[in-house]
Amino acid sequence: MITYETLRKIEQEEKNSLKLVKLPQNFLQEAMDYLEKKKAMANEKEDMWEHKTAVQRTDNIMQVRERKIVNFTLSFVRSGAIPENMAPEERELFDRMVKNLQDFQGQRKKAMSGEKFSMKTVAFLQEMPQFVGIDMGYYGPYIPGDIATVPEENAKVLIEKGASELIDLGK
């Protein structure tokens, strides 16, 4: 069961540790339940203060853990060391960030090797701010009616999102 004292203890341990602190089973759900109960009971000044500081402590815990997970993602991609004590939701975040970072690094290496990217010509149907293509080149900004040649993978995403349509140049 989560209490105010539990939150205070976890917050201190998390701030003082380089690793992720082992959280109680179902910590996130139990913390949310605790905060809801405190909010419902907050009719006196002391109860309101305890609810407010409990929310701040929970937020602090999550921010510190998120920062650590971002750093662990970089470390994992370089060394393969998987961090311990991640909650299931954190592990899901970690796995998505690892995949995105590995994809990004692969694209960067491909672009730096001078490898050619397949290009497609698209017509823009809506405004598009400047973006970095899969080839690490800058594209845009564009307004509706603009025609541009972009890497094929970027063209697919733009078309799927309804931001552009493919132009057939008869090649």
C-alpha atoms as a PDB file:
ATOM      1  CA  MET A   1       0.000   0.000   0.000  1.00  0.00           C
ATOM      2  CA  ILE A   2       1.296   3.448  -0.917  1.00  0.00           C
ATOM      3  CA  THR A   3       1.452   6.085   1.798  1.00  0.00           C
ATOM      4  CA  TYR A   4       2.810   9.594   1.943  1.00  0.00           C
ATOM      5  CA  GLU A   5       5.864   8.223   3.758  1.00  0.00           C
ATOM      6  CA  THR A   6       6.378   5.620   1.010  1.00  0.00           C
ATOM      7  CA  LEU A   7       6.382   8.360  -1.636  1.00  0.00           C
ATOM      8  CA  ARG A   8       8.828  10.469   0.376  1.00  0.00           C
ATOM      9  CA  LYS A   9      11.175   7.492   0.838  1.00  0.00           C
ATOM     10  CA  ILE A  10      11.058   6.465  -2.841  1.00  0.00           C
ATOM     11  CA  GLU A  11      11.629  10.049  -3.964  1.00  0.00           C
ATOM     12  CA  GLN A  12      14.761  10.355  -1.805  1.00  0.00           C
ATOM     13  CA  GLU A  13      16.122   6.968  -2.873  1.00  0.00           C
ATOM     14  CA  GLU A  14      15.469   7.706  -6.561  1.00  0.00           C
ATOM     15  CA  LYS A  15      17.233  11.073  -6.363  1.00  0.00           C
ATOM     16  CA  ASN A  16      20.247   9.574  -4.573  1.00  0.00           C
ATOM     17  CA  SER A  17      20.715   6.539  -6.800  1.00  0.00           C
ATOM     18  CA  LEU A  18      22.267   6.285 -10.253  1.00  0.00           C
ATOM     19  CA  LYS A  19      20.130   3.211 -10.941  1.00  0.00           C
ATOM     20  CA  LEU A  20      16.367   2.825 -10.941  1.00  0.00           C
ATOM     21  CA  VAL A  21      15.052   2.073  -7.480  1.00  0.00           C
ATOM     22  CA  LYS A  22      12.903  -1.044  -7.195  1.00  0.00           C
ATOM     23  CA  LEU A  23       9.315   0.121  -6.911  1.00  0.00           C
ATOM     24  CA  PRO A  24       6.548  -1.690  -5.054  1.00  0.00           C
ATOM     25  CA  GLN A  25       4.390  -3.987  -7.221  1.00  0.00           C
ATOM     26  CA  ASN A  26       1.805  -1.946  -9.216  1.00  0.00           C
ATOM     27  CA  PHE A  27       3.357   1.296  -7.977  1.00  0.00           C
ATOM     28  CA  LEU A  28       1.860   3.576 -10.623  1.00  0.00           C
ATOM     29  CA  GLN A  29      -1.688   2.333 -10.130  1.00  0.00           C
ATOM     30  CA  GLU A  30      -1.403   2.336  -6.357  1.00  0.00           C
ATOM     31  CA  ALA A  31       0.084   5.843  -6.371  1.00  0.00           C
ATOM     32  CA  MET A  32      -2.804   7.096  -8.530  1.00  0.00           C
ATOM     33  CA  ASP A  33      -5.315   5.416  -6.200  1.00  0.00           C
ATOM     34  CA  TYR A  34      -3.620   6.997  -3.170  1.00  0.00           C
ATOM     35  CA  LEU A  35      -3.675  10.458  -4.787  1.00  0.00           C
ATOM     36  CA  GLU A  36      -7.381  10.107  -5.651  1.00  0.00           C
ATOM     37  CA  LYS A  37      -8.200   9.140  -2.057  1.00  0.00           C
ATOM     38  CA  LYS A  38      -6.157  12.059  -0.690  1.00  0.00           C
ATOM     39  CA  LYS A  39      -7.898  14.456  -3.054  1.00  0.00           C
ATOM     40  CA  ALA A  40     -11.335  13.203  -2.009  1.00  0.00           C
ATOM     41  CA  MET A  41     -10.414  13.616   1.666  1.00  0.00           C
ATOM     42  CA  ALA A  42      -8.766  17.028   1.239  1.00  0.00           C
ATOM     43  CA  ASN A  43     -11.270  19.177   3.060  1.00  0.00           C
ATOM     44  CA  GLU A  44      -8.938  20.503   5.726  1.00  0.00           C
ATOM     45  CA  LYS A  45      -5.886  22.655   5.089  1.00  0.00           C
ATOM     46  CA  GLU A  46      -3.462  19.942   6.265  1.00  0.00           C
ATOM     47  CA  ASP A  47      -5.094  17.339   4.003  1.00  0.00           C
ATOM     48  CA  MET A  48      -4.900  19.698   1.012  1.00  0.00           C
ATOM     49  CA  TRP A  49      -1.218  20.316   1.688  1.00  0.00           C
ATOM     50  CA  GLU A  50      -0.519  16.588   1.963  1.00  0.00           C
ATOM     51  CA  HIS A  51      -2.364  15.902  -1.314  1.00  0.00           C
ATOM     52  CA  LYS A  52      -0.497  18.678  -3.114  1.00  0.00           C
ATOM     53  CA  THR A  53       2.926  17.543  -1.895  1.00  0.00           C
ATOM     54  CA  ALA A  54       2.090  13.888  -2.611  1.00  0.00           C
ATOM     55  CA  VAL A  55       1.299  14.864  -6.224  1.00  0.00           C
ATOM     56  CA  GLN A  56       4.615  16.763  -6.422  1.00  0.00           C
ATOM     57  CA  ARG A  57       6.560  13.840  -4.963  1.00  0.00           C
ATOM     58  CA  THR A  58       4.969  11.371  -7.383  1.00  0.00           C
ATOM     59  CA  ASP A  59       5.737  13.684 -10.296  1.00  0.00           C
ATOM     60  CA  ASN A  60       9.334  14.114  -9.095  1.00  0.00           C
ATOM     61  CA  ILE A  61       9.766  10.336  -8.878  1.00  0.00           C
ATOM     62  CA  MET A  62       8.500   9.873 -12.426  1.00  0.00           C
ATOM     63  CA  GLN A  63      10.617  12.716 -13.847  1.00  0.00           C
ATOM     64  CA  VAL A  64      13.816  11.368 -12.284  1.00  0.00           C
ATOM     65  CA  ARG A  65      13.026   7.864 -13.543  1.00  0.00           C
ATOM     66  CA  GLU A  66      12.242   9.139 -17.061  1.00  0.00           C
ATOM     67  CA  ARG A  67      15.571  10.984 -17.169  1.00  0.00           C
ATOM     68  CA  LYS A  68      17.389   7.831 -16.089  1.00  0.00           C
ATOM     69  CA  ILE A  69      15.552   5.739 -18.697  1.00  0.00           C
ATOM     70  CA  VAL A  70      16.563   8.179 -21.459  1.00  0.00           C
ATOM     71  CA  ASN A  71      20.192   7.864 -20.349  1.00  0.00           C
ATOM     72  CA  PHE A  72      19.902   4.080 -20.065  1.00  0.00           C
ATOM     73  CA  THR A  73      18.553   3.992 -23.624  1.00  0.00           C
ATOM     74  CA  LEU A  74      21.744   5.602 -24.927  1.00  0.00           C
ATOM     75  CA  SER A  75      23.845   3.279 -22.785  1.00  0.00           C
ATOM     76  CA  PHE A  76      21.939   0.189 -23.944  1.00  0.00           C
ATOM     77  CA  VAL A  77      22.362   1.021 -27.635  1.00  0.00           C
ATOM     78  CA  ARG A  78      26.128   1.367 -27.079  1.00  0.00           C
ATOM     79  CA  SER A  79      26.741  -1.519 -24.662  1.00  0.00           C
ATOM     80  CA  GLY A  80      23.675  -3.756 -24.547  1.00  0.00           C
ATOM     81  CA  ALA A  81      23.286  -3.401 -20.761  1.00  0.00           C
ATOM     82  CA  ILE A  82      19.599  -3.579 -19.814  1.00  0.00           C
ATOM     83  CA  PRO A  83      18.667  -1.514 -16.763  1.00  0.00           C
ATOM     84  CA  GLU A  84      16.994  -3.207 -13.817  1.00  0.00           C
ATOM     85  CA  ASN A  85      13.866  -2.293 -11.861  1.00  0.00           C
ATOM     86  CA  MET A  86      11.758  -0.857 -14.681  1.00  0.00           C
ATOM     87  CA  ALA A  87       8.009  -0.929 -14.229  1.00  0.00           C
ATOM     88  CA  PRO A  88       6.182  -2.556 -17.182  1.00  0.00           C
ATOM     89  CA  GLU A  89       5.126   0.877 -18.504  1.00  0.00           C
ATOM     90  CA  GLU A  90       8.716   2.083 -18.270  1.00  0.00           C
ATOM     91  CA  ARG A  91       9.993  -1.015 -20.076  1.00  0.00           C
ATOM     92  CA  GLU A  92       7.562  -0.311 -22.913  1.00  0.00           C
ATOM     93  CA  LEU A  93       8.868   3.277 -23.140  1.00  0.00           C
ATOM     94  CA  PHE A  94      12.465   2.036 -23.015  1.00  0.00           C
ATOM     95  CA  ASP A  95      11.888  -0.509 -25.801  1.00  0.00           C
ATOM     96  CA  ARG A  96      10.270   2.117 -28.067  1.00  0.00           C
ATOM     97  CA  MET A  97      13.107   4.585 -27.460  1.00  0.00           C
ATOM     98  CA  VAL A  98      15.740   1.908 -28.163  1.00  0.00           C
ATOM     99  CA  LYS A  99      14.048   1.027 -31.450  1.00  0.00           C
ATOM    100  CA  ASN A 100      13.770   4.685 -32.491  1.00  0.00           C
ATOM    101  CA  LEU A 101      17.385   5.399 -31.583  1.00  0.00           C
ATOM    102  CA  GLN A 102      18.645   2.325 -33.432  1.00  0.00           C
ATOM    103  CA  ASP A 103      16.569   3.263 -36.506  1.00  0.00           C
ATOM    104  CA  PHE A 104      17.897   6.831 -36.372  1.00  0.00           C
ATOM    105  CA  GLN A 105      21.495   5.664 -36.067  1.00  0.00           C
ATOM    106  CA  GLY A 106      21.016   3.268 -38.981  1.00  0.00           C
ATOM    107  CA  GLN A 107      19.634   6.070 -41.144  1.00  0.00           C
ATOM    108  CA  ARG A 108      22.492   8.356 -40.148  1.00  0.00           C
ATOM    109  CA  LYS A 109      25.081   5.708 -41.019  1.00  0.00           C
ATOM    110  CA  LYS A 110      23.382   5.082 -44.363  1.00  0.00           C
ATOM    111  CA  ALA A 111      23.347   8.822 -45.132  1.00  0.00           C
ATOM    112  CA  MET A 112      26.979   9.238 -44.076  1.00  0.00           C
ATOM    113  CA  SER A 113      28.088   6.288 -46.213  1.00  0.00           C
ATOM    114  CA  GLY A 114      26.925   8.154 -49.303  1.00  0.00           C
ATOM    115  CA  GLU A 115      24.358   5.475 -50.073  1.00  0.00           C
ATOM    116  CA  LYS A 116      21.642   6.796 -52.384  1.00  0.00           C
ATOM    117  CA  PHE A 117      18.039   6.993 -51.273  1.00  0.00           C
ATOM    118  CA  SER A 118      15.123   6.316 -53.595  1.00  0.00           C
ATOM    119  CA  MET A 119      13.289   9.602 -54.175  1.00  0.00           C
ATOM    120  CA  LYS A 120       9.629  10.346 -54.975  1.00  0.00           C
ATOM    121  CA  THR A 121       7.914  13.510 -56.158  1.00  0.00           C
ATOM    122  CA  VAL A 122       4.906  14.657 -54.165  1.00  0.00           C
ATOM    123  CA  ALA A 123       2.436  17.520 -54.235  1.00  0.00           C
ATOM    124  CA  PHE A 124       1.654  18.996 -50.839  1.00  0.00           C
ATOM    125  CA  LEU A 125      -2.011  19.215 -49.852  1.00  0.00           C
ATOM    126  CA  GLN A 126      -1.432  21.085 -46.612  1.00  0.00           C
ATOM    127  CA  GLU A 127       1.183  23.261 -44.945  1.00  0.00           C
ATOM    128  CA  MET A 128       4.259  21.364 -43.817  1.00  0.00           C
ATOM    129  CA  PRO A 129       7.006  22.839 -41.647  1.00  0.00           C
ATOM    130  CA  GLN A 130      10.629  22.118 -42.408  1.00  0.00           C
ATOM    131  CA  PHE A 131      11.589  18.531 -41.550  1.00  0.00           C
ATOM    132  CA  VAL A 132      14.661  16.321 -41.623  1.00  0.00           C
ATOM    133  CA  GLY A 133      14.317  13.515 -44.143  1.00  0.00           C
ATOM    134  CA  ILE A 134      15.456   9.939 -43.694  1.00  0.00           C
ATOM    135  CA  ASP A 135      18.574  10.912 -45.656  1.00  0.00           C
ATOM    136  CA  MET A 136      19.331  13.564 -42.991  1.00  0.00           C
ATOM    137  CA  GLY A 137      18.583  16.322 -45.533  1.00  0.00           C
ATOM    138  CA  TYR A 138      16.337  19.290 -44.774  1.00  0.00           C
ATOM    139  CA  TYR A 139      13.047  19.638 -46.658  1.00  0.00           C
ATOM    140  CA  GLY A 140      10.465  22.419 -46.622  1.00  0.00           C
ATOM    141  CA  PRO A 141       8.704  24.324 -45.434  1.00  0.00           C
ATOM    142  CA  TYR A 142       5.895  23.714 -47.932  1.00  0.00           C
ATOM    143  CA  ILE A 143       2.460  25.174 -48.614  1.00  0.00           C
ATOM    144  CA  PRO A 144      -0.477  23.514 -50.400  1.00  0.00           C
ATOM    145  CA  GLY A 145       0.318  23.139 -54.094  1.00  0.00           C
ATOM    146  CA  ASP A 146       4.094  22.937 -53.667  1.00  0.00           C
ATOM    147  CA  ILE A 147       5.781  20.066 -55.470  1.00  0.00           C
ATOM    148  CA  ALA A 148       8.971  18.524 -54.119  1.00  0.00           C
ATOM    149  CA  THR A 149      11.148  15.467 -54.422  1.00  0.00           C
ATOM    150  CA  VAL A 150      11.713  13.763 -51.073  1.00  0.00           C
ATOM    151  CA  PRO A 151      13.083  10.372 -49.963  1.00  0.00           C
ATOM    152  CA  GLU A 152      10.618   7.560 -50.718  1.00  0.00           C
ATOM    153  CA  GLU A 153      10.146   6.607 -47.038  1.00  0.00           C
ATOM    154  CA  ASN A 154       9.265  10.209 -46.161  1.00  0.00           C
ATOM    155  CA  ALA A 155       6.911  10.398 -49.163  1.00  0.00           C
ATOM    156  CA  LYS A 156       5.069   7.283 -47.918  1.00  0.00           C
ATOM    157  CA  VAL A 157       4.521   8.842 -44.486  1.00  0.00           C
ATOM    158  CA  LEU A 158       3.380  12.169 -45.973  1.00  0.00           C
ATOM    159  CA  ILE A 159       0.903  10.365 -48.243  1.00  0.00           C
ATOM    160  CA  GLU A 160      -0.402   8.131 -45.397  1.00  0.00           C
ATOM    161  CA  LYS A 161      -1.001  11.212 -43.244  1.00  0.00           C
ATOM    162  CA  GLY A 162      -2.868  12.947 -46.064  1.00  0.00           C
ATOM    163  CA  ALA A 163      -0.312  15.765 -46.237  1.00  0.00           C
ATOM    164  CA  SER A 164       0.677  15.077 -49.853  1.00  0.00           C
ATOM    165  CA  GLU A 165      -0.059  12.962 -52.887  1.00  0.00           C
ATOM    166  CA  LEU A 166       2.298  11.146 -55.234  1.00  0.00           C
ATOM    167  CA  ILE A 167       3.058  12.806 -58.557  1.00  0.00           C
ATOM    168  CA  ASP A 168       3.613  10.381 -61.441  1.00  0.00           C
ATOM    169  CA  LEU A 169       6.312  11.827 -63.666  1.00  0.00           C
ATOM    170  CA  GLY A 170       5.983   8.972 -66.159  1.00  0.00           C
ATOM    171  CA  LYS A 171       9.386   7.520 -65.375  1.00  0.00           C
END
